[in-house]
Amino acid sequence: MHSHCQFAVGRPLLQRTHARDGTALDKQRLDFLASQPTRSAARSRRARHIRTALVTPNAPHDKQMAALSEKAAAVFGRWCRPCDQSPPKLHIYNSLTRSKVPFYPIDPSGQRVTMYVCGPTVYDAAHLGHARTYLQFDVIRRILRDVLGYDVVYVMNVTDVDDKIIVRSQERGITPEALAREWERKFLEDMTSLGVERPSAMPRVTEYVPEIVSFVETCIQNGFAYEDQGSVYFDTRAFESKGHDYGKLCPENIGNQGLMAEGEGKLASTTFTKRDDRDFALWKASKPGEPTWPSPWGAGRPGWHIECSAMIEHTIGHGGPIDIHGGGVDLKFPHHDNELAQQEAFCNCRQTVNYFAHTGHLHIRGLKMSKSLKNFITIRQAL
C-alpha cells in the first residue's frame, strides 16, 4: 500500500462528533464532505443526502437518526487504495466506497487474487436468491481467471453450526451435525446442477473452532473484547476509542435493533448486559442440548460473525488484507461490518479487505426472496 495510506490508529481522517445524546450536529463538516473535489462523486452525493436529512427532520426519532447520519457521513468512503499497477485490467464496484474504483491485486507480481465469499448456512434448501449470489461470484471468478489471466484463490465457507441449525435440528429430532451434512450435500448438488464450479477451498466452521478460539483470545489480549458468564463479546467502545471506525459498510444502520438482534441469533443470551448496545458475541456459552467445544471461558461455540474472520485469517489472510470479500447485500450489516471490526482488532490494522462486492436481492412480488418470508422458490423446484 502507499505509505501515505497507512492509517495511524488514533488519528481519524476527520474529527468526528458522536452525538448520541441528540446534541446539535456539525453541519459545517457535512458541507466540507460534499464539497471536496478529491472525494468521489458518490461520497459527495451521500454527504449531501445525509445533510438534507439532518436539516429537514420528519420522524419521531429525529435526534437519534441525526446522530446515526452524522456517523455515516464521518465514516463513509474511508478507504486506502492498493498500490498502483497501471493500467488496471478492470474497475470494480467497491461497497466500501460505493463507487467504481480501479482494481489492483495485493500480490506484488499482480498475478494472484484472493477472494472470500460468505457461503451457505446449511439448515434448509437453497433457493433462487442463493443461486443468484453463487452464480454471480462464480462468473466473477471465471472472468478474473479465464479472461484477465489472474491466479484466483477462491474460498467460500460453510456455516455448519449456528442458531438456525440448532433450532431446526431440535425441531426434526436429529443432531445439528446430521442436519448440516444433509443440507450441505444438497447445496453442493444444486451448485453442480447450475454449473457452478467448486471454490478453491470450502472450510467448515466446525473444522476451525481451535483457530476461532485463538482468534478471540487475540482480540481480548489486544483490548477489543471482554468475557462475561462464559461468553465473549466484542467491545465497540474500546474499538472506537483506539481510532477505529465501526460500521464502515453501513454506518447508517448502526443502532438498528432489528438487524443487530438478527445478527445475534434466536438463541442469544437474554441475561447478559452489554457494555454497549452495538457489542456482539464472539463466543457463546453453550446451553443444554447445544453443540459445545472447550475454550478458556468454558464450554461454548463460535458466534456467527467470528467464523469468517478466523477462516479468512487461516486460509488466505495470514496477517494481511485480502483482495475481494463478497456476499449477499443483506450481509452488509451487521455481519460484514462486524467482520471488518474483528479483523482490525485481531491484527491491529486499519484495512483488512481492499474490495467488498455484494450481490443484490432477488425479488418476488415486490419483496425480497427469503426463507423468513416463506416466499422462496428452491433451486430444485426451478430446475
Protein backbone atom coordinates (compact mmCIF):
# COMPACT_ATOMS: atom_id res chain seq x y z
CA MET A 1 0.00 0.00 0.00
CA HIS A 2 1.07 3.61 -0.43
CA SER A 3 2.96 4.86 2.59
CA HIS A 4 0.63 7.85 2.81
CA CYS A 5 -2.31 5.44 3.07
CA GLN A 6 -1.14 3.69 6.22
CA PHE A 7 -3.86 4.53 8.72
CA ALA A 8 -2.47 5.74 12.01
CA VAL A 9 -4.53 4.36 14.88
CA GLY A 10 -5.92 7.21 16.92
CA ARG A 11 -5.76 9.74 14.08
CA PRO A 12 -9.08 9.80 12.26
CA LEU A 13 -9.12 11.43 8.84
CA LEU A 14 -11.90 13.70 10.02
CA GLN A 15 -12.64 14.83 13.54
CA ARG A 16 -15.89 13.11 14.50
CA THR A 17 -18.65 14.14 16.88
CA HIS A 18 -20.58 11.23 18.38
CA ALA A 19 -23.85 13.00 19.07
CA ARG A 20 -25.50 10.02 20.76
CA ASP A 21 -27.48 12.31 23.07
CA GLY A 22 -29.05 14.27 20.22
CA THR A 23 -26.98 17.43 20.71
CA ALA A 24 -26.54 19.91 17.88
CA LEU A 25 -24.64 18.44 14.95
CA ASP A 26 -21.86 19.98 12.92
CA LYS A 27 -23.35 20.88 9.51
CA GLN A 28 -20.11 22.61 8.50
CA ARG A 29 -18.27 19.31 8.30
CA LEU A 30 -21.02 17.78 6.20
CA ASP A 31 -20.68 20.72 3.80
CA PHE A 32 -16.96 20.02 3.74
CA LEU A 33 -17.56 16.38 2.83
CA ALA A 34 -19.89 17.27 -0.03
CA SER A 35 -17.62 19.96 -1.48
CA GLN A 36 -14.26 18.20 -1.55
CA PRO A 37 -13.06 17.77 -5.16
CA THR A 38 -10.84 14.84 -4.18
CA ARG A 39 -13.78 12.87 -2.85
CA SER A 40 -15.70 10.60 -5.20
CA ALA A 41 -18.97 11.85 -6.65
CA ALA A 42 -20.73 9.04 -4.82
CA ARG A 43 -19.38 10.19 -1.48
CA SER A 44 -20.37 13.79 -2.21
CA ARG A 45 -23.90 12.73 -3.10
CA ARG A 46 -24.04 10.68 0.09
CA ALA A 47 -22.93 13.59 2.24
CA ARG A 48 -25.50 15.90 0.62
CA HIS A 49 -28.22 13.32 1.20
CA ILE A 50 -27.28 12.99 4.86
CA ARG A 51 -27.11 16.76 5.30
CA THR A 52 -30.59 17.17 3.80
CA ALA A 53 -31.96 14.55 6.17
CA LEU A 54 -30.48 16.43 9.10
CA VAL A 55 -31.84 19.79 8.02
CA THR A 56 -35.38 18.51 7.36
CA PRO A 57 -36.22 16.06 10.14
CA ASN A 58 -39.62 14.42 9.88
CA ALA A 59 -39.59 11.35 12.14
CA PRO A 60 -40.28 10.76 15.85
CA HIS A 61 -36.70 9.68 16.42
CA ASP A 62 -35.10 12.64 14.68
CA LYS A 63 -32.33 13.12 17.21
CA GLN A 64 -31.24 9.50 17.18
CA MET A 65 -31.36 9.26 13.39
CA ALA A 66 -29.49 12.53 13.02
CA ALA A 67 -26.71 11.16 15.20
CA LEU A 68 -26.53 7.99 13.10
CA SER A 69 -26.44 10.07 9.91
CA GLU A 70 -23.60 12.13 11.34
CA LYS A 71 -21.71 8.92 12.00
CA ALA A 72 -22.39 7.72 8.46
CA ALA A 73 -21.06 10.93 6.95
CA ALA A 74 -17.87 10.67 9.01
CA VAL A 75 -17.08 7.07 8.14
CA PHE A 76 -18.37 6.69 4.60
CA GLY A 77 -15.79 6.24 1.86
CA ARG A 78 -12.74 5.93 4.12
CA TRP A 79 -10.58 3.56 2.09
CA CYS A 80 -6.94 3.12 1.20
CA ARG A 81 -6.35 2.18 -2.43
CA PRO A 82 -3.77 -0.56 -3.03
CA CYS A 83 -0.53 0.24 -4.86
CA ASP A 84 -1.00 1.31 -8.46
CA GLN A 85 -0.16 -1.08 -11.24
CA SER A 86 -1.03 0.84 -14.37
CA PRO A 87 -3.03 0.41 -16.38
CA PRO A 88 -5.60 -1.53 -14.32
CA LYS A 89 -7.17 -4.53 -16.03
CA LEU A 90 -10.61 -3.67 -14.69
CA HIS A 91 -12.62 -1.41 -12.42
CA ILE A 92 -14.82 -2.88 -9.71
CA TYR A 93 -17.76 -1.50 -7.75
CA ASN A 94 -16.45 -1.37 -4.19
CA SER A 95 -19.06 -1.40 -1.41
CA LEU A 96 -16.51 0.28 0.88
CA THR A 97 -16.67 3.43 -1.26
CA ARG A 98 -19.98 2.81 -3.06
CA SER A 99 -18.27 3.67 -6.31
CA LYS A 100 -16.28 2.05 -9.11
CA VAL A 101 -12.56 2.04 -8.41
CA PRO A 102 -9.50 0.59 -10.20
CA PHE A 103 -8.73 -2.99 -9.19
CA TYR A 104 -5.15 -3.69 -8.12
CA PRO A 105 -4.27 -7.06 -6.54
CA ILE A 106 -2.20 -7.15 -3.36
CA ASP A 107 0.22 -9.64 -4.92
CA PRO A 108 3.44 -7.76 -5.83
CA SER A 109 3.56 -9.60 -9.16
CA GLY A 110 -0.03 -8.57 -9.88
CA GLN A 111 -0.99 -12.14 -10.77
CA ARG A 112 -2.58 -13.69 -7.67
CA VAL A 113 -6.04 -12.63 -6.46
CA THR A 114 -7.54 -13.73 -3.14
CA MET A 115 -11.33 -13.86 -2.86
CA TYR A 116 -13.54 -14.91 0.06
CA VAL A 117 -17.31 -15.28 -0.20
CA CYS A 118 -19.68 -15.97 2.67
CA GLY A 119 -21.17 -19.39 1.99
CA PRO A 120 -24.42 -21.06 2.99
CA THR A 121 -25.81 -21.73 6.44
CA VAL A 122 -26.84 -25.32 5.80
CA TYR A 123 -30.14 -25.85 7.57
CA ASP A 124 -32.66 -25.87 4.68
CA ALA A 125 -32.93 -25.98 0.88
CA ALA A 126 -31.08 -23.37 -1.17
CA HIS A 127 -33.40 -21.05 -3.11
CA LEU A 128 -33.04 -18.90 -6.22
CA GLY A 129 -31.69 -16.00 -4.18
CA HIS A 130 -28.77 -18.21 -3.18
CA ALA A 131 -28.40 -19.33 -6.79
CA ARG A 132 -28.07 -15.72 -7.91
CA THR A 133 -25.33 -14.98 -5.38
CA TYR A 134 -23.16 -18.03 -6.03
CA LEU A 135 -23.64 -17.90 -9.80
CA GLN A 136 -22.54 -14.27 -9.84
CA PHE A 137 -19.41 -14.89 -7.81
CA ASP A 138 -18.60 -17.92 -9.95
CA VAL A 139 -18.85 -15.67 -13.02
CA ILE A 140 -16.61 -13.07 -11.32
CA ARG A 141 -14.05 -15.77 -10.52
CA ARG A 142 -14.11 -17.02 -14.13
CA ILE A 143 -13.69 -13.51 -15.55
CA LEU A 144 -10.73 -12.86 -13.26
CA ARG A 145 -9.17 -16.23 -14.12
CA ASP A 146 -10.16 -17.07 -17.68
CA VAL A 147 -10.46 -13.61 -19.24
CA LEU A 148 -7.99 -11.50 -17.30
CA GLY A 149 -5.48 -14.25 -16.52
CA TYR A 150 -5.31 -13.93 -12.73
CA ASP A 151 -4.45 -16.86 -10.49
CA VAL A 152 -7.58 -16.79 -8.31
CA VAL A 153 -7.68 -18.39 -4.86
CA TYR A 154 -11.40 -18.53 -4.03
CA VAL A 155 -12.51 -19.53 -0.53
CA MET A 156 -16.15 -19.99 0.47
CA ASN A 157 -17.08 -21.13 3.96
CA VAL A 158 -19.84 -23.47 5.08
CA THR A 159 -21.64 -22.45 8.27
CA ASP A 160 -22.39 -25.83 9.86
CA VAL A 161 -23.03 -24.68 13.43
CA ASP A 162 -25.42 -21.80 14.04
CA ASP A 163 -28.59 -20.88 15.92
CA LYS A 164 -30.74 -21.69 12.88
CA ILE A 165 -29.15 -25.12 12.53
CA ILE A 166 -29.60 -25.89 16.22
CA VAL A 167 -33.26 -24.82 16.23
CA ARG A 168 -34.08 -26.76 13.06
CA SER A 169 -32.28 -29.91 14.26
CA GLN A 170 -34.25 -29.81 17.51
CA GLU A 171 -37.49 -29.50 15.55
CA ARG A 172 -36.58 -32.55 13.48
CA GLY A 173 -35.16 -34.57 16.36
CA ILE A 174 -31.71 -35.07 14.81
CA THR A 175 -28.24 -33.78 15.66
CA PRO A 176 -27.05 -30.42 14.30
CA GLU A 177 -24.21 -32.23 12.54
CA ALA A 178 -26.58 -34.63 10.77
CA LEU A 179 -28.79 -31.74 9.63
CA ALA A 180 -25.82 -29.71 8.41
CA ARG A 181 -24.30 -32.58 6.44
CA GLU A 182 -27.65 -33.34 4.78
CA TRP A 183 -28.18 -29.81 3.53
CA GLU A 184 -24.52 -29.23 2.69
CA ARG A 185 -24.64 -32.24 0.35
CA LYS A 186 -27.84 -30.99 -1.27
CA PHE A 187 -26.41 -27.48 -1.63
CA LEU A 188 -23.37 -28.83 -3.48
CA GLU A 189 -25.62 -30.92 -5.71
CA ASP A 190 -27.63 -27.79 -6.53
CA MET A 191 -24.45 -25.87 -7.40
CA THR A 192 -23.36 -28.70 -9.69
CA SER A 193 -26.77 -28.64 -11.41
CA LEU A 194 -26.31 -24.92 -12.04
CA GLY A 195 -22.82 -25.41 -13.45
CA VAL A 196 -21.13 -23.54 -10.60
CA GLU A 197 -17.51 -24.56 -10.11
CA ARG A 198 -16.29 -25.54 -6.65
CA PRO A 199 -14.25 -22.90 -4.81
CA SER A 200 -10.55 -23.50 -4.18
CA ALA A 201 -11.47 -24.34 -0.58
CA MET A 202 -14.70 -24.72 1.41
CA PRO A 203 -13.80 -24.70 5.12
CA ARG A 204 -16.48 -25.66 7.64
CA VAL A 205 -16.87 -23.72 10.87
CA THR A 206 -16.65 -26.92 12.93
CA GLU A 207 -13.24 -27.64 11.39
CA TYR A 208 -11.83 -24.31 12.56
CA VAL A 209 -13.02 -24.00 16.15
CA PRO A 210 -9.49 -24.06 17.67
CA GLU A 211 -8.46 -21.29 15.28
CA ILE A 212 -11.59 -19.33 16.21
CA VAL A 213 -10.79 -19.68 19.92
CA SER A 214 -7.26 -18.43 19.26
CA PHE A 215 -8.63 -15.51 17.22
CA VAL A 216 -10.94 -14.50 20.09
CA GLU A 217 -8.07 -14.74 22.58
CA THR A 218 -6.04 -12.31 20.49
CA CYS A 219 -8.95 -9.84 20.35
CA ILE A 220 -9.14 -9.96 24.15
CA GLN A 221 -5.38 -9.51 24.51
CA ASN A 222 -5.49 -6.51 22.18
CA GLY A 223 -8.18 -4.91 24.36
CA PHE A 224 -11.12 -5.24 21.98
CA ALA A 225 -13.23 -7.96 23.66
CA TYR A 226 -14.41 -8.99 27.11
CA GLU A 227 -15.75 -12.14 28.77
CA ASP A 228 -18.97 -12.41 30.76
CA GLN A 229 -20.64 -15.56 32.10
CA GLY A 230 -18.69 -17.83 29.77
CA SER A 231 -19.39 -15.78 26.63
CA VAL A 232 -17.09 -13.27 24.92
CA TYR A 233 -18.29 -10.03 23.34
CA PHE A 234 -16.68 -7.50 21.04
CA ASP A 235 -16.09 -4.13 22.72
CA THR A 236 -17.14 -1.47 20.21
CA ARG A 237 -16.38 1.43 22.57
CA ALA A 238 -12.81 0.24 23.06
CA PHE A 239 -12.53 -0.26 19.31
CA GLU A 240 -13.55 3.29 18.54
CA SER A 241 -11.54 4.74 21.43
CA LYS A 242 -8.39 3.48 19.71
CA GLY A 243 -9.16 5.29 16.49
CA HIS A 244 -11.00 2.57 14.56
CA ASP A 245 -14.30 3.07 12.74
CA TYR A 246 -17.14 0.68 13.45
CA GLY A 247 -19.67 0.29 10.64
CA LYS A 248 -17.62 1.10 7.55
CA LEU A 249 -20.03 -0.52 5.10
CA CYS A 250 -23.36 0.62 6.56
CA PRO A 251 -22.77 3.24 9.24
CA GLU A 252 -26.34 4.44 8.70
CA ASN A 253 -27.59 1.11 10.09
CA ILE A 254 -25.76 1.35 13.41
CA GLY A 255 -28.38 1.23 16.13
CA ASN A 256 -30.88 -0.78 14.08
CA GLN A 257 -32.11 -3.08 16.82
CA GLY A 258 -33.81 -5.50 14.45
CA LEU A 259 -30.71 -6.10 12.36
CA MET A 260 -28.47 -6.38 15.41
CA ALA A 261 -30.82 -8.89 17.07
CA GLU A 262 -30.97 -10.94 13.87
CA GLY A 263 -27.19 -10.99 13.78
CA GLU A 264 -27.01 -12.35 17.33
CA GLY A 265 -29.37 -15.23 16.55
CA LYS A 266 -32.52 -16.70 18.10
CA LEU A 267 -30.59 -18.36 20.92
CA ALA A 268 -28.77 -15.24 22.11
CA SER A 269 -28.40 -14.80 25.85
CA THR A 270 -31.11 -12.70 27.50
CA THR A 271 -29.37 -12.41 30.88
CA PHE A 272 -26.30 -10.56 29.69
CA THR A 273 -25.94 -6.76 29.91
CA LYS A 274 -23.68 -5.45 27.17
CA ARG A 275 -21.31 -2.57 27.78
CA ASP A 276 -22.69 -1.03 24.58
CA ASP A 277 -25.78 -1.92 22.55
CA ARG A 278 -23.59 -2.44 19.50
CA ASP A 279 -21.45 -5.15 21.14
CA PHE A 280 -21.85 -8.61 19.65
CA ALA A 281 -20.95 -12.18 20.56
CA LEU A 282 -17.63 -13.68 19.52
CA TRP A 283 -18.05 -16.82 21.63
CA LYS A 284 -21.33 -18.12 23.07
CA ALA A 285 -21.57 -20.13 26.26
CA SER A 286 -23.50 -23.23 25.26
CA LYS A 287 -26.89 -24.04 26.71
CA PRO A 288 -28.10 -27.62 27.38
CA GLY A 289 -28.60 -29.56 24.17
CA GLU A 290 -26.34 -27.31 22.07
CA PRO A 291 -23.04 -28.27 20.40
CA THR A 292 -20.07 -27.45 22.57
CA TRP A 293 -16.29 -27.07 22.35
CA PRO A 294 -13.73 -26.33 25.08
CA SER A 295 -12.37 -22.82 25.48
CA PRO A 296 -10.58 -20.70 28.12
CA TRP A 297 -14.00 -19.28 29.03
CA GLY A 298 -15.75 -22.61 29.41
CA ALA A 299 -17.67 -24.86 27.04
CA GLY A 300 -19.30 -22.99 24.19
CA ARG A 301 -19.47 -22.41 20.46
CA PRO A 302 -18.48 -19.67 18.00
CA GLY A 303 -20.63 -16.62 17.34
CA TRP A 304 -21.76 -16.14 13.76
CA HIS A 305 -19.56 -13.21 12.72
CA ILE A 306 -16.28 -14.54 14.10
CA GLU A 307 -16.20 -17.63 11.89
CA CYS A 308 -15.47 -15.78 8.65
CA SER A 309 -12.79 -13.57 10.21
CA ALA A 310 -10.93 -16.57 11.61
CA MET A 311 -11.23 -18.65 8.44
CA ILE A 312 -10.05 -15.75 6.27
CA GLU A 313 -7.03 -15.34 8.52
CA HIS A 314 -6.11 -19.01 8.42
CA THR A 315 -6.72 -19.62 4.71
CA ILE A 316 -5.79 -16.56 2.64
CA GLY A 317 -5.32 -13.64 5.08
CA HIS A 318 -2.26 -14.58 7.13
CA GLY A 319 -2.00 -11.25 8.93
CA GLY A 320 -2.65 -9.05 5.91
CA PRO A 321 -5.56 -7.82 3.79
CA ILE A 322 -7.30 -9.88 1.12
CA ASP A 323 -8.29 -8.60 -2.29
CA ILE A 324 -12.04 -9.28 -2.55
CA HIS A 325 -14.66 -10.18 0.04
CA GLY A 326 -18.14 -10.97 -1.23
CA GLY A 327 -21.61 -11.95 -0.15
CA GLY A 328 -25.26 -11.04 -0.37
CA VAL A 329 -26.23 -7.42 0.22
CA ASP A 330 -28.25 -8.49 3.28
CA LEU A 331 -24.96 -9.41 4.98
CA LYS A 332 -23.55 -5.87 4.87
CA PHE A 333 -24.79 -5.02 8.36
CA PRO A 334 -24.18 -6.35 10.84
CA HIS A 335 -22.29 -9.39 9.54
CA HIS A 336 -19.70 -7.83 7.26
CA ASP A 337 -19.29 -4.69 9.34
CA ASN A 338 -18.66 -6.90 12.38
CA GLU A 339 -16.21 -8.98 10.37
CA LEU A 340 -14.21 -5.90 9.47
CA ALA A 341 -14.12 -4.79 13.11
CA GLN A 342 -12.98 -8.22 14.31
CA GLN A 343 -10.23 -8.47 11.73
CA GLU A 344 -8.91 -4.99 12.53
CA ALA A 345 -9.00 -5.84 16.23
CA PHE A 346 -7.08 -9.05 15.60
CA CYS A 347 -4.27 -7.55 13.51
CA ASN A 348 -4.25 -4.02 15.00
CA CYS A 349 -4.53 -2.59 11.50
CA ARG A 350 -6.96 -0.36 9.66
CA GLN A 351 -7.82 -2.21 6.45
CA THR A 352 -8.24 -5.96 6.05
CA VAL A 353 -10.31 -6.08 2.84
CA ASN A 354 -9.45 -3.98 -0.20
CA TYR A 355 -12.63 -4.55 -2.21
CA PHE A 356 -16.07 -5.55 -0.93
CA ALA A 357 -18.54 -6.90 -3.50
CA HIS A 358 -22.22 -7.56 -2.79
CA THR A 359 -24.95 -9.20 -4.84
CA GLY A 360 -28.46 -7.76 -4.74
CA HIS A 361 -31.70 -9.32 -3.56
CA LEU A 362 -33.84 -11.43 -5.85
CA HIS A 363 -37.38 -10.05 -5.58
CA ILE A 364 -40.68 -11.82 -5.97
CA ARG A 365 -43.93 -9.82 -5.99
CA GLY A 366 -42.12 -6.76 -4.69
CA LEU A 367 -40.45 -8.47 -1.73
CA LYS A 368 -37.00 -9.97 -1.40
CA MET A 369 -36.95 -13.73 -1.70
CA SER A 370 -36.08 -15.20 1.71
CA LYS A 371 -36.78 -18.17 3.90
CA SER A 372 -38.04 -15.93 6.70
CA LEU A 373 -40.78 -14.53 4.42
CA LYS A 374 -41.57 -18.02 3.07
CA ASN A 375 -41.79 -16.63 -0.46
CA PHE A 376 -38.88 -18.54 -1.91
CA ILE A 377 -38.55 -20.96 -4.82
CA THR A 378 -35.91 -23.62 -4.26
CA ILE A 379 -33.27 -24.31 -6.86
CA ARG A 380 -34.62 -27.85 -7.30
CA GLN A 381 -38.14 -26.55 -7.87
CA ALA A 382 -36.87 -24.15 -10.52
CA LEU A 383 -34.85 -26.85 -12.28
